[in-house]
Amino acid sequence: LAKLDGLVVGKDPRGGIVEERTFLHPDFDFAMTFPEKWKLRNSAAYVEATPPDEGARIMLELAGTGRDPMVAARAFFEQYESEVQVQEAPTSRQVNGRQAVHATARVVGRGDTVAIRLMWVATGGHVVLASAATPASRFDNRRGELEGVLESVRPLTSAER
């Protein structure tokens, strides 16, 4: 029995886990809660969530190491400068005790424009990028819901850890 103590059965929680409507990442001390009935998919590279109507998408992914989300935000906009049009420039603020940077952008694709609300959050020596995307024509109607999800980022409770 001593050899079984600490043995991971199932998915390794170090890659993050989904419990009901909440994504939890113990290594990054990070949790984010999604609305009821949203579908959550956790892969090795990202977490993706979509509402039942599939008219929006939120993705979480590692943006890099460090403690300054503004550095990650600037690197993102430099990397995608030809594809992404900044609508609201990156601004720093605290989100549930974490340093974060918010921005809004648009991506013009094949016949459609997508609005993206972006948030980089410093957590556990890393920066996580949470992006909420929806067709630009629906952005004003969905903005409150999408920002609510992004603002739900918080440290884990001791019970969750």
N, C-alpha and C. Protein backbone atom coordinates (compact mmCIF):
# COMPACT_ATOMS: atom_id res chain seq x y z
N LEU A 1 0.81 -1.20 0.00
CA LEU A 1 0.00 0.00 0.00
C LEU A 1 0.85 1.26 0.00
N ALA A 2 2.01 1.20 0.62
CA ALA A 2 2.88 2.38 0.66
C ALA A 2 3.31 2.79 -0.74
N LYS A 3 3.50 1.82 -1.65
CA LYS A 3 3.89 2.14 -3.02
C LYS A 3 2.76 2.84 -3.79
N LEU A 4 1.53 2.63 -3.36
CA LEU A 4 0.39 3.25 -4.03
C LEU A 4 0.12 4.67 -3.54
N ASP A 5 0.67 5.03 -2.39
CA ASP A 5 0.44 6.35 -1.83
C ASP A 5 0.97 7.42 -2.78
N GLY A 6 0.10 8.33 -3.19
CA GLY A 6 0.50 9.41 -4.10
C GLY A 6 0.42 9.05 -5.57
N LEU A 7 0.07 7.80 -5.90
CA LEU A 7 -0.04 7.37 -7.29
C LEU A 7 -1.20 8.11 -7.96
N VAL A 8 -0.94 8.68 -9.12
CA VAL A 8 -1.98 9.39 -9.86
C VAL A 8 -2.74 8.38 -10.70
N VAL A 9 -4.06 8.35 -10.54
CA VAL A 9 -4.93 7.49 -11.32
C VAL A 9 -5.81 8.40 -12.15
N GLY A 10 -5.82 8.22 -13.45
CA GLY A 10 -6.59 9.10 -14.32
C GLY A 10 -5.71 10.23 -14.82
N LYS A 11 -6.35 11.37 -15.14
CA LYS A 11 -5.60 12.51 -15.66
C LYS A 11 -4.71 13.11 -14.57
N ASP A 12 -3.52 13.52 -14.97
CA ASP A 12 -2.58 14.15 -14.06
C ASP A 12 -3.07 15.56 -13.73
N PRO A 13 -3.33 15.86 -12.46
CA PRO A 13 -3.85 17.18 -12.11
C PRO A 13 -2.86 18.32 -12.39
N ARG A 14 -1.58 18.00 -12.60
CA ARG A 14 -0.61 19.07 -12.91
C ARG A 14 -0.91 19.73 -14.25
N GLY A 15 -1.70 19.11 -15.09
CA GLY A 15 -2.11 19.72 -16.36
C GLY A 15 -3.42 20.47 -16.23
N GLY A 16 -3.93 20.54 -15.01
CA GLY A 16 -5.20 21.20 -14.76
C GLY A 16 -6.35 20.21 -14.85
N ILE A 17 -7.38 20.48 -14.08
CA ILE A 17 -8.55 19.61 -14.10
C ILE A 17 -9.82 20.46 -14.17
N VAL A 18 -10.89 19.84 -14.63
CA VAL A 18 -12.19 20.48 -14.68
C VAL A 18 -13.07 19.81 -13.65
N GLU A 19 -13.63 20.60 -12.74
CA GLU A 19 -14.60 20.12 -11.77
C GLU A 19 -15.87 20.91 -11.97
N GLU A 20 -16.89 20.23 -12.47
CA GLU A 20 -18.16 20.87 -12.80
C GLU A 20 -17.94 22.03 -13.75
N ARG A 21 -18.07 23.29 -13.29
CA ARG A 21 -17.95 24.46 -14.17
C ARG A 21 -16.64 25.20 -13.97
N THR A 22 -15.72 24.63 -13.20
CA THR A 22 -14.49 25.34 -12.85
C THR A 22 -13.27 24.60 -13.35
N PHE A 23 -12.35 25.35 -13.97
CA PHE A 23 -11.04 24.82 -14.35
C PHE A 23 -10.08 25.16 -13.23
N LEU A 24 -9.34 24.16 -12.75
CA LEU A 24 -8.39 24.33 -11.65
C LEU A 24 -7.01 23.90 -12.11
N HIS A 25 -6.00 24.71 -11.78
CA HIS A 25 -4.63 24.35 -12.13
C HIS A 25 -3.78 24.49 -10.88
N PRO A 26 -3.43 23.36 -10.24
CA PRO A 26 -2.70 23.44 -8.96
C PRO A 26 -1.29 24.01 -9.07
N ASP A 27 -0.57 23.74 -10.14
CA ASP A 27 0.80 24.26 -10.26
C ASP A 27 0.82 25.78 -10.41
N PHE A 28 -0.20 26.33 -11.06
CA PHE A 28 -0.28 27.78 -11.27
C PHE A 28 -1.13 28.46 -10.21
N ASP A 29 -1.73 27.68 -9.27
CA ASP A 29 -2.59 28.25 -8.23
C ASP A 29 -3.64 29.14 -8.88
N PHE A 30 -4.42 28.53 -9.76
CA PHE A 30 -5.27 29.27 -10.69
C PHE A 30 -6.61 28.56 -10.83
N ALA A 31 -7.70 29.31 -10.77
CA ALA A 31 -9.04 28.75 -11.03
C ALA A 31 -9.83 29.75 -11.86
N MET A 32 -10.70 29.23 -12.71
CA MET A 32 -11.59 30.07 -13.52
C MET A 32 -12.92 29.33 -13.63
N THR A 33 -14.02 30.05 -13.43
CA THR A 33 -15.35 29.45 -13.45
C THR A 33 -16.11 29.90 -14.70
N PHE A 34 -16.81 28.95 -15.30
CA PHE A 34 -17.56 29.19 -16.53
C PHE A 34 -19.06 29.09 -16.27
N PRO A 35 -19.88 29.72 -17.12
CA PRO A 35 -21.33 29.64 -16.95
C PRO A 35 -21.84 28.21 -17.08
N GLU A 36 -23.02 27.98 -16.49
CA GLU A 36 -23.65 26.66 -16.62
C GLU A 36 -23.88 26.31 -18.08
N LYS A 37 -23.79 25.05 -18.36
CA LYS A 37 -24.04 24.46 -19.69
C LYS A 37 -22.96 24.76 -20.72
N TRP A 38 -21.91 25.49 -20.35
CA TRP A 38 -20.79 25.66 -21.28
C TRP A 38 -20.03 24.34 -21.34
N LYS A 39 -19.50 24.01 -22.51
CA LYS A 39 -18.66 22.82 -22.67
C LYS A 39 -17.22 23.21 -22.42
N LEU A 40 -16.53 22.44 -21.58
CA LEU A 40 -15.12 22.68 -21.30
C LEU A 40 -14.30 21.51 -21.82
N ARG A 41 -13.21 21.83 -22.51
CA ARG A 41 -12.28 20.82 -23.01
C ARG A 41 -10.89 21.20 -22.54
N ASN A 42 -10.23 20.26 -21.89
CA ASN A 42 -8.89 20.49 -21.37
C ASN A 42 -7.92 19.62 -22.16
N SER A 43 -7.00 20.26 -22.87
CA SER A 43 -5.97 19.52 -23.59
C SER A 43 -4.62 19.87 -22.98
N ALA A 44 -3.58 19.27 -23.48
CA ALA A 44 -2.24 19.54 -22.97
C ALA A 44 -1.80 20.97 -23.26
N ALA A 45 -2.30 21.58 -24.33
CA ALA A 45 -1.85 22.90 -24.75
C ALA A 45 -2.76 24.05 -24.30
N TYR A 46 -4.06 23.77 -24.11
CA TYR A 46 -4.99 24.84 -23.77
C TYR A 46 -6.27 24.26 -23.18
N VAL A 47 -7.06 25.16 -22.62
CA VAL A 47 -8.42 24.85 -22.17
C VAL A 47 -9.34 25.67 -23.05
N GLU A 48 -10.40 25.06 -23.52
CA GLU A 48 -11.35 25.75 -24.38
C GLU A 48 -12.75 25.59 -23.80
N ALA A 49 -13.53 26.67 -23.83
CA ALA A 49 -14.91 26.62 -23.34
C ALA A 49 -15.81 27.31 -24.36
N THR A 50 -16.98 26.68 -24.62
CA THR A 50 -17.94 27.26 -25.55
C THR A 50 -19.33 27.18 -24.94
N PRO A 51 -20.17 28.19 -25.20
CA PRO A 51 -21.55 28.15 -24.73
C PRO A 51 -22.36 27.20 -25.59
N PRO A 52 -23.58 26.85 -25.15
CA PRO A 52 -24.41 25.92 -25.93
C PRO A 52 -24.66 26.37 -27.37
N ASP A 53 -24.78 27.68 -27.62
CA ASP A 53 -25.03 28.16 -28.98
C ASP A 53 -23.75 28.25 -29.81
N GLU A 54 -22.61 27.97 -29.20
CA GLU A 54 -21.30 28.00 -29.84
C GLU A 54 -21.00 29.35 -30.51
N GLY A 55 -21.63 30.42 -30.01
CA GLY A 55 -21.43 31.74 -30.57
C GLY A 55 -20.29 32.51 -29.94
N ALA A 56 -19.50 31.83 -29.12
CA ALA A 56 -18.34 32.45 -28.48
C ALA A 56 -17.36 31.34 -28.12
N ARG A 57 -16.16 31.74 -27.75
CA ARG A 57 -15.15 30.76 -27.34
C ARG A 57 -14.20 31.46 -26.38
N ILE A 58 -13.90 30.77 -25.29
CA ILE A 58 -12.88 31.25 -24.36
C ILE A 58 -11.78 30.22 -24.33
N MET A 59 -10.55 30.70 -24.44
CA MET A 59 -9.40 29.80 -24.40
C MET A 59 -8.43 30.28 -23.33
N LEU A 60 -7.84 29.33 -22.64
CA LEU A 60 -6.77 29.58 -21.67
C LEU A 60 -5.54 28.87 -22.17
N GLU A 61 -4.43 29.59 -22.17
CA GLU A 61 -3.17 28.97 -22.59
C GLU A 61 -2.01 29.66 -21.90
N LEU A 62 -0.93 28.97 -21.80
CA LEU A 62 0.27 29.53 -21.20
C LEU A 62 0.88 30.54 -22.17
N ALA A 63 1.08 31.78 -21.68
CA ALA A 63 1.66 32.82 -22.54
C ALA A 63 3.16 32.92 -22.34
N GLY A 64 3.67 32.41 -21.23
CA GLY A 64 5.10 32.46 -20.97
C GLY A 64 5.42 32.44 -19.49
N THR A 65 6.68 32.56 -19.18
CA THR A 65 7.11 32.60 -17.80
C THR A 65 7.31 34.05 -17.38
N GLY A 66 7.38 34.27 -16.08
CA GLY A 66 7.59 35.61 -15.57
C GLY A 66 6.45 36.08 -14.70
N ARG A 67 6.55 37.30 -14.27
CA ARG A 67 5.56 37.86 -13.36
C ARG A 67 4.93 39.15 -13.88
N ASP A 68 5.26 39.54 -15.11
CA ASP A 68 4.74 40.78 -15.67
C ASP A 68 3.86 40.49 -16.88
N PRO A 69 2.54 40.54 -16.72
CA PRO A 69 1.67 40.24 -17.85
C PRO A 69 1.75 41.26 -18.99
N MET A 70 2.21 42.49 -18.70
CA MET A 70 2.34 43.48 -19.76
C MET A 70 3.40 43.06 -20.78
N VAL A 71 4.46 42.41 -20.32
CA VAL A 71 5.49 41.91 -21.22
C VAL A 71 4.88 40.89 -22.18
N ALA A 72 4.05 40.00 -21.65
CA ALA A 72 3.40 38.98 -22.50
C ALA A 72 2.42 39.63 -23.46
N ALA A 73 1.68 40.64 -23.01
CA ALA A 73 0.72 41.33 -23.88
C ALA A 73 1.44 42.01 -25.05
N ARG A 74 2.52 42.70 -24.74
CA ARG A 74 3.28 43.38 -25.81
C ARG A 74 3.84 42.38 -26.81
N ALA A 75 4.36 41.26 -26.30
CA ALA A 75 4.90 40.22 -27.18
C ALA A 75 3.80 39.66 -28.08
N PHE A 76 2.60 39.47 -27.54
CA PHE A 76 1.47 38.98 -28.33
C PHE A 76 1.16 39.93 -29.48
N PHE A 77 1.02 41.22 -29.17
CA PHE A 77 0.66 42.18 -30.21
C PHE A 77 1.78 42.38 -31.22
N GLU A 78 3.02 42.22 -30.81
CA GLU A 78 4.13 42.27 -31.78
C GLU A 78 4.08 41.07 -32.71
N GLN A 79 3.82 39.90 -32.14
CA GLN A 79 3.78 38.67 -32.93
C GLN A 79 2.64 38.68 -33.95
N TYR A 80 1.49 39.22 -33.55
CA TYR A 80 0.31 39.16 -34.41
C TYR A 80 -0.08 40.53 -34.98
N GLU A 81 0.87 41.46 -35.07
CA GLU A 81 0.55 42.83 -35.49
C GLU A 81 -0.12 42.91 -36.86
N SER A 82 0.19 42.01 -37.77
CA SER A 82 -0.42 42.07 -39.11
C SER A 82 -1.82 41.45 -39.13
N GLU A 83 -2.17 40.69 -38.11
CA GLU A 83 -3.46 40.00 -38.09
C GLU A 83 -4.47 40.60 -37.12
N VAL A 84 -3.99 41.28 -36.09
CA VAL A 84 -4.84 41.75 -35.00
C VAL A 84 -4.88 43.28 -34.98
N GLN A 85 -6.08 43.82 -34.94
CA GLN A 85 -6.27 45.27 -34.83
C GLN A 85 -6.64 45.60 -33.38
N VAL A 86 -5.82 46.37 -32.70
CA VAL A 86 -6.08 46.73 -31.31
C VAL A 86 -7.25 47.70 -31.26
N GLN A 87 -8.25 47.40 -30.44
CA GLN A 87 -9.40 48.28 -30.24
C GLN A 87 -9.28 49.05 -28.93
N GLU A 88 -8.86 48.35 -27.88
CA GLU A 88 -8.60 48.96 -26.58
C GLU A 88 -7.20 48.52 -26.17
N ALA A 89 -6.31 49.46 -26.02
CA ALA A 89 -4.90 49.16 -25.72
C ALA A 89 -4.76 48.43 -24.39
N PRO A 90 -3.70 47.64 -24.24
CA PRO A 90 -3.49 46.92 -22.99
C PRO A 90 -3.40 47.86 -21.78
N THR A 91 -4.15 47.51 -20.73
CA THR A 91 -4.11 48.27 -19.48
C THR A 91 -3.94 47.30 -18.31
N SER A 92 -3.14 47.73 -17.34
CA SER A 92 -2.87 46.88 -16.16
C SER A 92 -3.90 47.13 -15.08
N ARG A 93 -4.22 46.07 -14.34
CA ARG A 93 -5.06 46.17 -13.15
C ARG A 93 -5.01 44.88 -12.37
N GLN A 94 -5.55 44.89 -11.18
CA GLN A 94 -5.61 43.70 -10.34
C GLN A 94 -6.93 42.97 -10.60
N VAL A 95 -6.86 41.65 -10.65
CA VAL A 95 -8.05 40.81 -10.76
C VAL A 95 -7.95 39.76 -9.67
N ASN A 96 -8.79 39.89 -8.66
CA ASN A 96 -8.81 38.96 -7.53
C ASN A 96 -7.41 38.73 -6.95
N GLY A 97 -6.70 39.83 -6.76
CA GLY A 97 -5.37 39.75 -6.14
C GLY A 97 -4.24 39.42 -7.09
N ARG A 98 -4.53 39.24 -8.35
CA ARG A 98 -3.51 38.91 -9.34
C ARG A 98 -3.28 40.09 -10.27
N GLN A 99 -2.01 40.28 -10.66
CA GLN A 99 -1.68 41.31 -11.64
C GLN A 99 -2.17 40.83 -13.01
N ALA A 100 -2.91 41.68 -13.70
CA ALA A 100 -3.47 41.30 -15.00
C ALA A 100 -3.39 42.48 -15.97
N VAL A 101 -3.48 42.15 -17.25
CA VAL A 101 -3.52 43.15 -18.32
C VAL A 101 -4.69 42.78 -19.21
N HIS A 102 -5.54 43.77 -19.52
CA HIS A 102 -6.69 43.58 -20.39
C HIS A 102 -6.49 44.35 -21.69
N ALA A 103 -7.04 43.82 -22.77
CA ALA A 103 -7.05 44.52 -24.06
C ALA A 103 -8.21 43.97 -24.88
N THR A 104 -8.61 44.72 -25.88
CA THR A 104 -9.63 44.27 -26.82
C THR A 104 -9.08 44.45 -28.22
N ALA A 105 -9.34 43.46 -29.07
CA ALA A 105 -8.83 43.50 -30.44
C ALA A 105 -9.85 42.91 -31.40
N ARG A 106 -9.58 43.10 -32.66
CA ARG A 106 -10.40 42.50 -33.71
C ARG A 106 -9.49 41.78 -34.70
N VAL A 107 -10.02 40.70 -35.22
CA VAL A 107 -9.32 39.95 -36.25
C VAL A 107 -10.27 39.86 -37.44
N VAL A 108 -9.81 40.34 -38.59
CA VAL A 108 -10.62 40.28 -39.80
C VAL A 108 -10.23 39.03 -40.55
N GLY A 109 -11.22 38.17 -40.77
CA GLY A 109 -10.97 36.91 -41.46
C GLY A 109 -11.65 36.88 -42.80
N ARG A 110 -11.93 35.70 -43.25
CA ARG A 110 -12.58 35.50 -44.55
C ARG A 110 -14.04 35.90 -44.46
N GLY A 111 -14.30 37.18 -44.66
CA GLY A 111 -15.68 37.64 -44.68
C GLY A 111 -16.28 37.96 -43.33
N ASP A 112 -15.59 37.67 -42.24
CA ASP A 112 -16.15 37.97 -40.93
C ASP A 112 -15.09 38.62 -40.04
N THR A 113 -15.56 39.34 -39.05
CA THR A 113 -14.67 39.99 -38.10
C THR A 113 -14.97 39.42 -36.72
N VAL A 114 -13.92 39.06 -36.01
CA VAL A 114 -14.05 38.49 -34.67
C VAL A 114 -13.51 39.49 -33.67
N ALA A 115 -14.29 39.73 -32.63
CA ALA A 115 -13.84 40.58 -31.53
C ALA A 115 -13.26 39.68 -30.44
N ILE A 116 -12.16 40.10 -29.85
CA ILE A 116 -11.48 39.30 -28.83
C ILE A 116 -11.19 40.17 -27.62
N ARG A 117 -11.63 39.69 -26.47
CA ARG A 117 -11.26 40.32 -25.19
C ARG A 117 -10.13 39.46 -24.65
N LEU A 118 -9.00 40.08 -24.37
CA LEU A 118 -7.80 39.36 -23.94
C LEU A 118 -7.45 39.74 -22.51
N MET A 119 -6.98 38.77 -21.75
CA MET A 119 -6.50 39.05 -20.40
C MET A 119 -5.30 38.16 -20.11
N TRP A 120 -4.18 38.80 -19.79
CA TRP A 120 -2.99 38.10 -19.37
C TRP A 120 -2.93 38.20 -17.85
N VAL A 121 -2.69 37.07 -17.18
CA VAL A 121 -2.68 37.04 -15.71
C VAL A 121 -1.39 36.42 -15.24
N ALA A 122 -0.72 37.09 -14.29
CA ALA A 122 0.48 36.54 -13.67
C ALA A 122 0.05 35.59 -12.56
N THR A 123 0.58 34.38 -12.60
CA THR A 123 0.22 33.38 -11.60
C THR A 123 1.30 32.31 -11.51
N GLY A 124 1.81 32.08 -10.32
CA GLY A 124 2.78 31.01 -10.10
C GLY A 124 4.04 31.12 -10.93
N GLY A 125 4.56 32.34 -11.18
CA GLY A 125 5.77 32.50 -11.98
C GLY A 125 5.55 32.36 -13.48
N HIS A 126 4.29 32.30 -13.88
CA HIS A 126 3.92 32.18 -15.29
C HIS A 126 2.90 33.26 -15.63
N VAL A 127 2.67 33.45 -16.91
CA VAL A 127 1.60 34.33 -17.37
C VAL A 127 0.67 33.47 -18.21
N VAL A 128 -0.61 33.51 -17.86
CA VAL A 128 -1.64 32.77 -18.57
C VAL A 128 -2.44 33.77 -19.41
N LEU A 129 -2.74 33.40 -20.64
CA LEU A 129 -3.57 34.22 -21.51
C LEU A 129 -4.97 33.61 -21.56
N ALA A 130 -5.96 34.42 -21.20
CA ALA A 130 -7.37 34.04 -21.35
C ALA A 130 -7.94 34.92 -22.44
N SER A 131 -8.45 34.31 -23.49
CA SER A 131 -9.01 35.08 -24.60
C SER A 131 -10.47 34.68 -24.82
N ALA A 132 -11.31 35.68 -24.96
CA ALA A 132 -12.73 35.46 -25.20
C ALA A 132 -13.06 36.02 -26.57
N ALA A 133 -13.53 35.18 -27.48
CA ALA A 133 -13.78 35.60 -28.86
C ALA A 133 -15.23 35.34 -29.24
N THR A 134 -15.77 36.27 -30.03
CA THR A 134 -17.12 36.14 -30.56
C THR A 134 -17.19 36.98 -31.83
N PRO A 135 -18.15 36.69 -32.72
CA PRO A 135 -18.28 37.56 -33.89
C PRO A 135 -18.44 39.02 -33.44
N ALA A 136 -17.81 39.94 -34.15
CA ALA A 136 -17.83 41.35 -33.77
C ALA A 136 -19.25 41.88 -33.67
N SER A 137 -20.15 41.37 -34.49
CA SER A 137 -21.54 41.85 -34.47
C SER A 137 -22.26 41.46 -33.18
N ARG A 138 -21.75 40.48 -32.45
CA ARG A 138 -22.37 40.04 -31.19
C ARG A 138 -21.59 40.49 -29.96
N PHE A 139 -20.45 41.13 -30.17
CA PHE A 139 -19.56 41.43 -29.04
C PHE A 139 -20.23 42.29 -27.97
N ASP A 140 -20.91 43.35 -28.36
CA ASP A 140 -21.53 44.22 -27.36
C ASP A 140 -22.56 43.46 -26.52
N ASN A 141 -23.30 42.55 -27.14
CA ASN A 141 -24.30 41.77 -26.41
C ASN A 141 -23.66 40.73 -25.48
N ARG A 142 -22.51 40.21 -25.85
CA ARG A 142 -21.87 39.15 -25.08
C ARG A 142 -20.78 39.65 -24.15
N ARG A 143 -20.38 40.88 -24.28
CA ARG A 143 -19.21 41.39 -23.57
C ARG A 143 -19.32 41.16 -22.06
N GLY A 144 -20.46 41.47 -21.46
CA GLY A 144 -20.63 41.29 -20.02
C GLY A 144 -20.42 39.86 -19.58
N GLU A 145 -21.00 38.92 -20.32
CA GLU A 145 -20.86 37.50 -20.00
C GLU A 145 -19.40 37.06 -20.12
N LEU A 146 -18.76 37.45 -21.22
CA LEU A 146 -17.37 37.03 -21.45
C LEU A 146 -16.42 37.64 -20.42
N GLU A 147 -16.60 38.93 -20.12
CA GLU A 147 -15.75 39.55 -19.11
C GLU A 147 -15.99 38.95 -17.73
N GLY A 148 -17.22 38.55 -17.45
CA GLY A 148 -17.51 37.89 -16.18
C GLY A 148 -16.70 36.62 -16.00
N VAL A 149 -16.58 35.85 -17.08
CA VAL A 149 -15.76 34.63 -17.01
C VAL A 149 -14.30 35.00 -16.79
N LEU A 150 -13.79 35.95 -17.56
CA LEU A 150 -12.39 36.34 -17.42
C LEU A 150 -12.12 36.86 -16.00
N GLU A 151 -13.04 37.63 -15.45
CA GLU A 151 -12.87 38.20 -14.12
C GLU A 151 -13.00 37.15 -13.01
N SER A 152 -13.43 35.94 -13.36
CA SER A 152 -13.56 34.89 -12.34
C SER A 152 -12.23 34.26 -11.97
N VAL A 153 -11.15 34.63 -12.66
CA VAL A 153 -9.82 34.10 -12.36
C VAL A 153 -9.48 34.41 -10.90
N ARG A 154 -9.03 33.40 -10.19
CA ARG A 154 -8.71 33.58 -8.77
C ARG A 154 -7.73 32.50 -8.32
N PRO A 155 -7.10 32.71 -7.15
CA PRO A 155 -6.25 31.67 -6.59
C PRO A 155 -7.13 30.48 -6.12
N LEU A 156 -6.53 29.32 -6.04
CA LEU A 156 -7.24 28.15 -5.53
C LEU A 156 -7.48 28.29 -4.03
N THR A 157 -8.56 27.70 -3.56
CA THR A 157 -8.77 27.60 -2.12
C THR A 157 -7.91 26.45 -1.62
N SER A 158 -7.72 26.38 -0.31
CA SER A 158 -6.91 25.27 0.24
C SER A 158 -7.57 23.93 -0.05
N ALA A 159 -8.90 23.87 -0.03
CA ALA A 159 -9.59 22.61 -0.33
C ALA A 159 -9.38 22.21 -1.79
N GLU A 160 -9.40 23.17 -2.70
CA GLU A 160 -9.17 22.86 -4.12
C GLU A 160 -7.76 22.41 -4.37
N ARG A 161 -6.82 23.01 -3.69
CA ARG A 161 -5.41 22.67 -3.87
C ARG A 161 -5.20 21.23 -3.44
